Structure formats: structure tokens, C-alpha cells
Protein backbone atom coordinates (compact mmCIF):
# COMPACT_ATOMS: atom_id res chain seq x y z
CA MET A 1 98.32 107.51 78.11
CA ILE A 2 99.18 103.99 77.00
CA SER A 3 102.55 102.45 76.71
CA VAL A 4 103.29 99.48 74.91
CA VAL A 5 106.40 97.67 75.51
CA VAL A 6 107.61 94.83 73.14
CA PRO A 7 110.95 93.06 73.72
CA VAL A 8 112.38 92.18 70.32
CA HIS A 9 115.05 89.34 69.45
CA ASP A 10 115.48 88.33 65.91
CA GLU A 11 111.96 89.35 64.71
CA GLU A 12 112.86 91.51 61.72
CA ARG A 13 109.76 90.31 59.77
CA SER A 14 107.36 91.12 62.59
CA VAL A 15 108.27 94.83 63.75
CA GLU A 16 106.68 96.50 61.25
CA PRO A 17 103.44 94.82 60.72
CA LEU A 18 103.18 94.61 64.56
CA TYR A 19 103.31 98.53 64.62
CA GLU A 20 100.79 98.69 62.37
CA GLU A 21 98.19 96.66 64.13
CA LEU A 22 99.30 98.47 67.33
CA ARG A 23 98.18 101.40 65.46
CA ARG A 24 94.78 99.80 64.05
CA SER A 25 93.93 98.72 67.65
CA LEU A 26 94.76 101.68 69.53
CA GLU A 27 93.73 104.67 67.59
CA PRO A 28 89.93 104.05 68.03
CA LEU A 29 90.51 104.29 71.60
CA GLU A 30 91.31 108.00 71.05
CA ARG A 31 93.88 107.90 73.99
CA PRO A 32 97.35 108.94 73.67
CA TRP A 33 99.89 106.01 73.10
CA GLU A 34 103.29 105.02 72.54
CA ALA A 35 105.08 102.04 71.74
CA VAL A 36 108.69 101.26 73.31
CA PHE A 37 110.29 98.63 71.23
CA VAL A 38 113.63 97.00 73.09
CA ASP A 39 116.18 95.13 70.79
CA ASP A 40 117.42 92.31 73.10
CA GLY A 41 120.72 91.85 71.15
CA SER A 42 119.03 90.90 67.72
CA THR A 43 121.76 89.48 65.16
CA ASP A 44 119.55 89.72 62.16
CA GLY A 45 118.12 93.12 60.85
CA SER A 46 115.51 93.69 63.67
CA LEU A 47 117.32 97.03 64.41
CA GLY A 48 117.24 98.19 60.80
CA ALA A 49 113.43 97.49 60.75
CA LEU A 50 113.00 99.18 64.11
CA THR A 51 114.82 102.35 63.10
CA ARG A 52 112.35 102.65 59.88
CA VAL A 53 109.50 102.37 62.30
CA HIS A 54 110.93 105.06 64.61
CA ALA A 55 111.70 107.63 61.44
CA ALA A 56 107.95 106.75 60.10
CA ALA A 57 105.97 107.07 63.39
CA ARG A 58 105.98 110.09 66.26
CA ASN A 59 105.05 107.36 69.32
CA VAL A 60 107.70 105.17 68.72
CA THR A 61 110.76 104.68 71.43
CA VAL A 62 113.69 102.22 70.33
CA VAL A 63 115.59 100.92 73.06
CA ARG A 64 118.83 98.89 72.16
CA LEU A 65 120.37 96.36 74.65
CA ARG A 66 124.30 96.08 74.36
CA ARG A 67 123.52 92.23 73.88
CA ASN A 68 121.16 89.52 74.37
CA PHE A 69 120.30 89.86 78.39
CA GLY A 70 117.10 87.95 78.05
CA LYS A 71 113.36 89.19 77.88
CA ALA A 72 113.54 89.94 81.46
CA ALA A 73 116.06 92.43 80.98
CA ALA A 74 114.61 93.63 77.97
CA LEU A 75 110.90 94.31 79.57
CA ALA A 76 112.61 96.01 82.50
CA ALA A 77 114.60 98.38 80.23
CA GLY A 78 110.90 99.04 78.38
CA PHE A 79 109.36 99.60 81.89
CA ARG A 80 111.89 102.08 82.53
CA HIS A 81 111.24 104.16 79.34
CA ALA A 82 107.51 103.79 79.30
CA ARG A 83 105.61 107.08 80.23
CA GLY A 84 102.22 105.76 80.38
CA GLU A 85 99.94 105.42 83.21
CA VAL A 86 99.01 102.19 81.61
CA VAL A 87 101.53 99.72 80.41
CA VAL A 88 100.82 96.84 78.17
CA THR A 89 103.43 94.07 77.10
CA ILE A 90 103.00 92.01 74.10
CA ASP A 91 105.74 89.94 72.25
CA ALA A 92 106.95 90.94 68.90
CA ASP A 93 106.51 87.21 67.11
CA LEU A 94 102.95 88.15 65.99
CA GLN A 95 101.20 85.36 68.13
CA ASP A 96 99.76 87.50 70.63
CA ASP A 97 96.83 89.52 68.90
CA PRO A 98 97.12 93.49 69.18
CA ALA A 99 93.05 93.57 68.74
CA GLU A 100 92.88 92.16 72.30
CA ILE A 101 94.46 95.12 73.88
CA PRO A 102 91.61 97.36 74.28
CA ARG A 103 89.43 94.29 76.24
CA LEU A 104 92.46 94.06 78.50
CA LEU A 105 92.13 97.56 79.29
CA ALA A 106 88.76 97.60 79.65
CA LYS A 107 89.00 94.80 82.27
CA LEU A 108 91.83 96.91 83.97
CA ASP A 109 89.31 100.01 84.18
CA GLU A 110 86.93 97.31 86.46
CA GLY A 111 89.52 97.93 89.39
CA PHE A 112 92.12 95.59 88.80
CA ASP A 113 96.17 96.22 88.71
CA LEU A 114 97.15 93.37 86.29
CA VAL A 115 95.29 91.84 83.65
CA SER A 116 97.12 88.70 81.99
CA GLY A 117 95.83 87.26 78.90
CA TRP A 118 95.35 83.63 78.92
CA LYS A 119 95.66 81.82 75.38
CA ALA A 120 92.68 79.67 75.75
CA ARG A 121 93.08 78.22 72.09
CA ARG A 122 96.81 78.07 72.01
CA ARG A 123 98.52 77.21 68.69
CA ASP A 124 101.78 75.76 69.86
CA PRO A 125 102.42 72.12 69.45
CA LEU A 126 101.37 69.53 72.15
CA SER A 127 104.85 69.00 73.61
CA ARG A 128 104.73 72.58 74.65
CA ARG A 129 101.29 72.52 75.79
CA ILE A 130 101.31 69.79 78.18
CA PRO A 131 104.67 70.66 79.91
CA SER A 132 103.14 73.95 80.09
CA ARG A 133 99.62 73.24 81.46
CA ILE A 134 101.76 71.09 84.49
CA PHE A 135 103.77 74.17 85.07
CA ASN A 136 100.94 76.52 85.95
CA GLY A 137 99.05 74.21 87.72
CA VAL A 138 101.82 73.57 90.38
CA VAL A 139 102.79 77.27 90.48
CA GLY A 140 98.93 78.05 90.91
CA ARG A 141 98.71 75.51 93.61
CA VAL A 142 101.80 76.42 95.30
CA SER A 143 101.71 80.64 95.28
CA GLY A 144 97.68 80.64 95.45
CA LEU A 145 97.53 82.64 92.54
CA ARG A 146 95.48 80.16 89.94
CA LEU A 147 96.11 81.31 86.48
CA HIS A 148 96.06 79.20 83.32
CA ASP A 149 98.66 80.85 81.57
CA LEU A 150 101.47 82.52 83.45
CA ASN A 151 103.49 82.99 80.53
CA CYS A 152 101.26 84.90 78.17
CA GLY A 153 103.05 87.95 76.62
CA LEU A 154 100.08 89.80 76.45
CA LYS A 155 99.43 91.88 79.89
CA ALA A 156 98.22 95.08 80.79
CA TYR A 157 99.32 97.02 84.31
CA ARG A 158 99.02 99.87 85.80
CA ALA A 159 102.35 101.86 85.66
CA GLU A 160 102.85 101.61 89.76
CA VAL A 161 103.12 97.74 89.39
CA VAL A 162 105.90 97.39 86.78
CA HIS A 163 107.77 100.46 88.36
CA ASN A 164 107.33 98.68 92.06
CA LEU A 165 108.48 95.02 90.32
CA ARG A 166 112.24 94.44 89.80
CA ILE A 167 112.75 91.73 87.50
CA TYR A 168 115.85 89.95 86.38
CA GLY A 169 117.39 86.42 85.37
CA GLU A 170 114.30 85.16 83.87
CA LEU A 171 111.57 86.28 86.59
CA HIS A 172 109.45 87.54 83.73
CA ARG A 173 106.95 84.65 83.47
CA PHE A 174 106.25 85.26 87.26
CA LEU A 175 105.12 88.95 87.28
CA PRO A 176 101.62 88.07 88.05
CA VAL A 177 102.87 85.92 91.14
CA LEU A 178 105.15 88.76 91.99
CA ALA A 179 102.24 91.44 91.63
CA HIS A 180 100.40 89.02 93.70
CA ASP A 181 102.65 88.87 96.46
CA ARG A 182 102.58 92.56 96.78
CA GLY A 183 99.33 92.96 97.26
CA TYR A 184 97.79 94.00 93.88
CA ARG A 185 94.78 92.81 92.14
CA VAL A 186 95.43 90.21 89.59
CA THR A 187 93.21 88.38 86.95
CA GLU A 188 93.01 87.26 83.67
CA LEU A 189 91.08 87.29 80.32
CA PRO A 190 90.83 84.54 77.37
CA VAL A 191 92.70 86.27 74.47
CA ASN A 192 93.10 85.35 70.87
CA HIS A 193 96.48 83.14 69.92
CA ARG A 194 97.51 83.01 66.61
CA PRO A 195 100.18 80.51 64.69
CA ARG A 196 103.81 81.79 64.43
CA GLU A 197 104.21 82.95 60.67
CA HIS A 198 107.86 84.06 61.06
CA GLY A 199 111.10 82.78 62.57
CA ARG A 200 111.07 80.14 65.00
CA SER A 201 110.45 79.61 68.85
CA ARG A 202 113.57 79.70 71.41
CA TYR A 203 112.04 77.95 73.80
CA GLY A 204 113.21 74.33 75.02
CA VAL A 205 112.77 71.75 77.60
CA GLU A 206 115.59 73.26 79.47
CA ARG A 207 113.11 76.12 80.02
CA TYR A 208 110.94 74.55 82.32
CA LEU A 209 113.61 73.55 84.42
CA ARG A 210 114.94 76.71 84.77
CA GLY A 211 111.19 78.21 85.16
CA PHE A 212 110.85 75.50 88.48
CA LEU A 213 114.32 76.80 89.66
CA ASP A 214 113.04 80.49 89.29
CA PHE A 215 109.66 79.54 90.85
CA LEU A 216 111.57 78.76 94.15
CA ASN A 217 113.26 81.99 93.85
CA VAL A 218 109.90 83.55 93.76
CA TRP A 219 108.35 81.67 96.47
CA PHE A 220 110.95 82.15 98.72
CA MET A 221 111.60 86.00 97.86
CA GLY A 222 107.63 86.37 98.38
CA ARG A 223 107.16 84.53 101.62
CA TYR A 224 110.49 85.16 103.34
CA ARG A 225 112.34 88.08 101.88
CA HIS A 226 111.93 90.23 104.87
CA ARG A 227 111.98 87.37 107.44
CA PRO A 228 114.45 85.04 106.44
CA LEU A 229 115.57 83.78 110.28
CA HIS A 230 111.80 82.49 110.11
CA LEU A 231 113.28 79.81 107.30
CA PHE A 232 116.62 79.02 108.14
CA GLY A 233 116.23 79.87 112.13
CA GLY A 234 113.25 77.35 112.09
CA LEU A 235 115.10 74.61 110.05
CA GLY A 236 118.09 75.30 112.25
CA LEU A 237 115.73 75.07 115.54
CA THR A 238 113.99 72.05 114.36
CA LEU A 239 117.26 70.04 113.38
CA GLY A 240 119.02 71.20 116.43
CA ALA A 241 116.15 70.44 118.76
CA ILE A 242 116.15 66.62 117.41
CA GLY A 243 119.80 65.97 117.75
CA THR A 244 119.58 67.48 121.21
CA VAL A 245 117.00 64.85 122.10
CA LEU A 246 119.24 62.13 120.61
CA LEU A 247 121.95 63.41 122.61
CA THR A 248 120.26 63.58 125.91
CA TYR A 249 118.86 60.05 125.20
CA LEU A 250 122.58 58.73 124.75
CA THR A 251 123.79 60.69 127.94
CA VAL A 252 120.95 58.84 129.86
CA LEU A 253 122.38 55.67 128.36
CA LYS A 254 125.85 56.59 129.29
CA LEU A 255 125.23 57.60 132.77
CA SER A 256 123.78 54.17 133.35
CA GLY A 257 126.90 52.63 132.05
CA GLU A 258 126.30 51.65 128.58
CA ALA A 259 129.06 52.48 126.13
CA ILE A 260 127.80 54.75 123.24
CA GLY A 261 130.68 55.49 121.48
CA HIS A 262 129.96 52.74 118.58
CA ARG A 263 126.34 53.96 118.39
CA PRO A 264 125.22 55.79 114.90
CA LEU A 265 122.83 58.05 116.82
CA LEU A 266 125.86 59.84 118.76
CA THR A 267 127.33 60.67 115.09
CA LEU A 268 123.65 61.63 113.88
CA GLY A 269 122.91 63.74 117.13
CA VAL A 270 126.05 65.77 116.95
CA LEU A 271 125.75 66.38 112.98
CA LEU A 272 122.25 67.41 113.78
CA VAL A 273 123.19 69.99 116.39
CA VAL A 274 125.94 71.68 114.11
CA VAL A 275 124.02 71.72 110.87
CA GLY A 276 120.91 73.51 113.26
CA LEU A 277 123.56 75.84 114.29
CA GLN A 278 124.75 76.49 110.75
CA PHE A 279 121.09 76.91 109.83
CA PHE A 280 120.52 79.49 112.68
CA SER A 281 123.52 81.47 111.84
CA LEU A 282 122.73 81.53 108.03
CA GLY A 283 119.10 82.90 109.21
CA LEU A 284 120.98 85.57 111.34
CA LEU A 285 123.30 86.67 108.38
CA SER A 286 120.40 86.91 106.02
CA GLU A 287 118.48 89.10 108.49
CA LEU A 288 121.55 91.67 108.52
CA ILE A 289 121.86 91.51 104.55
CA THR A 290 118.16 92.37 104.39
CA SER A 291 118.21 94.87 106.76
CA HIS A 292 120.58 96.90 104.52
CA HIS A 293 118.58 95.62 101.42
CA GLU A 294 116.53 98.30 100.88
CA GLU A 295 119.39 100.98 101.08
CA ARG A 296 121.34 99.56 98.54
CA THR A 297 120.69 99.76 94.82
CA GLY A 298 122.60 97.38 93.24
CA VAL A 299 124.12 97.04 89.73
CA ALA A 300 122.52 100.07 87.68
CA ALA A 301 120.28 98.46 84.95
CA ASP A 302 120.89 101.48 82.66
CA GLN A 303 124.40 100.04 82.24
CA GLN A 304 122.47 97.39 79.85
CA VAL A 305 121.84 99.92 77.52
CA GLU A 306 123.71 101.21 74.71
CA GLU A 307 121.47 103.54 73.03
CA VAL A 308 117.95 105.08 73.05
CA LEU A 309 115.99 106.58 70.24
CA VAL A 310 113.38 108.76 71.52
CA PRO A 311 110.36 109.99 69.44
CA ARG A 312 110.76 113.12 67.74
CA VAL A 313 107.57 114.77 69.64
CA ARG A 314 108.11 114.34 73.34
CA GLU A 315 104.25 114.30 73.87
CA PRO A 316 103.31 111.08 71.90
CA VAL A 317 100.16 111.24 69.57
CA SER A 318 98.31 108.89 67.65
CA ARG A 319 99.53 108.99 63.84
């Protein structure tokens, strides 16, 4: 069974054409499928369009969030309500081509756990393509997962991947990196990308700054999530060792009769030792928090959901 998760935010004119394209692409596969649309606090007529699609089709689920929580929250809500063994994500703006989904599924059947689309011929302005290429290059070099297009909305996952990843904030663009850190097999496939026909893009320059900060979070969580003492303790020991060497040197000078009270090295040595102890203590506290992390559930993400329209027939079938 295939679940197609579609985050929607102010895409009133695209919702119904997108469902028709999904139907034409997936029905020939002769596999049961469902579409899970997540209304991420739209302020236009998107909810009305989704309600019409839900009323006309028997394999559509509509999830409405209480307000605009962002794409990561919308995807997380869609993943929770997806019932398929395979989950496909696609943006609602019609720039991603649903006709590419069978190719993604075929690639997934080769033994991969996540197949990410690659907009090889991207139909976006140069002002978006150049920063995106730099961003993808930096993330690939640091993370070790070299993909051309991390942020392509068209992806195919095995269900266990999306159910084992917790995404929040704006971590949706790093799903391949998060999956790679968990040991899943990740690859990419060139897909068709179409120019935007309706609405406007909501991404600006600040998106890349936020993306860089999010990547630091992903890098830290992937490498030191279960061993924060290795990072903070290592920094603390290094700084403390340097400070101890400086203070030992000054102690030798003091014992030889030289005045050291006016020397900047004394202040630097004491500062390094104190900061080193603080880093080491931070590492120990982080270890205590990490040891209880798996036992804590945190805030229930379902509190973001206002209502869910489920299919009239529980077993989704092709229309």
C-alpha cells in the first residue's frame, strides 16, 4: 500500500489538479493507495478544496492543523496518519511531477530505504538555485551524504523510516541526513521539475540562514546525541589542559622569584581552567539528560491537530 503525504499551505488552486494527477499516476500500478493532505493553517480556500476532494474520493484523508506550524509539523502529522508500507511526499504547488512517483517506487524496490528526488533541471530563479547548490554542497561534505538536492519535496520512504524519525522545527529538509545517520540506505533520482503556475514561493534568503543553524543541530544530534560528554567534555579537558600548562609555567616563574601578578597569562590561564570546568560540567549534565531521553515522550504532537477527515471506506482503494 502506498501513502502519499501532501503538506498544503495556501494552495487552493492546486489541490484538486494534484489529486487528479496522483490518480492518473498511481492507478496503473494496481496497488492500493491513499492521499493524506495536511492543511498547515491555510488562510485561503485550501480547506474547502480539500473537503471537496475528500467528498469525491474514497481514499483521501484530510488533516487540519490548528494554525501554520510549518512544513516539518505538517509532514509529521501526515506520517502519523499514513497507513501504507511505502510513504511518498510531494509538495502541493504542482512543481513536483506525480508522474515520477512510479520511478521512485521502482528505485525503492531495489533495496533502498529512502529515495530523494533531484531536480536536475530546476525551474526556479538563479537567485534560488545558486544558494541552494552551495548549501547542498556544504551539507554533503560535512554530513558525508552527498545529494544534489536535499530539499526536493518529492521523496519515497519505507514506512519504518518516517516512523522512526522525529522531525520538528525546520528539520524536514534534512530527512535524508537523519535517515543516513540512522543507518538507512539513501539514494537520489533525477526527477522532472515544473515551473510554478499558481501562488508564490514563500522562501527567502533567511531560509538558508535558518537551514545552516538547523544543519548544526542535525550534525550535533547525529554525532553526539548519545554521547554529549565526548563533545563538551573533550572541549573542557582541552581548555583546562591548556590553562593548567599556563598556570604551571607561571608557578615556576613565581618560585624563581619573578612577579607574575601583572602578566596577562595569569588571567588567561585561570579563565581557561574555569571555562574548561564549565564545559565538562555541561557534558555531565547532558549525559544525565540523555540517559532519560528515551523515557520521556515530550509534548504530544497530536495536540497540533484540530480535526481529521478520514476516508469513508477504511480500506483505501483506487477510485
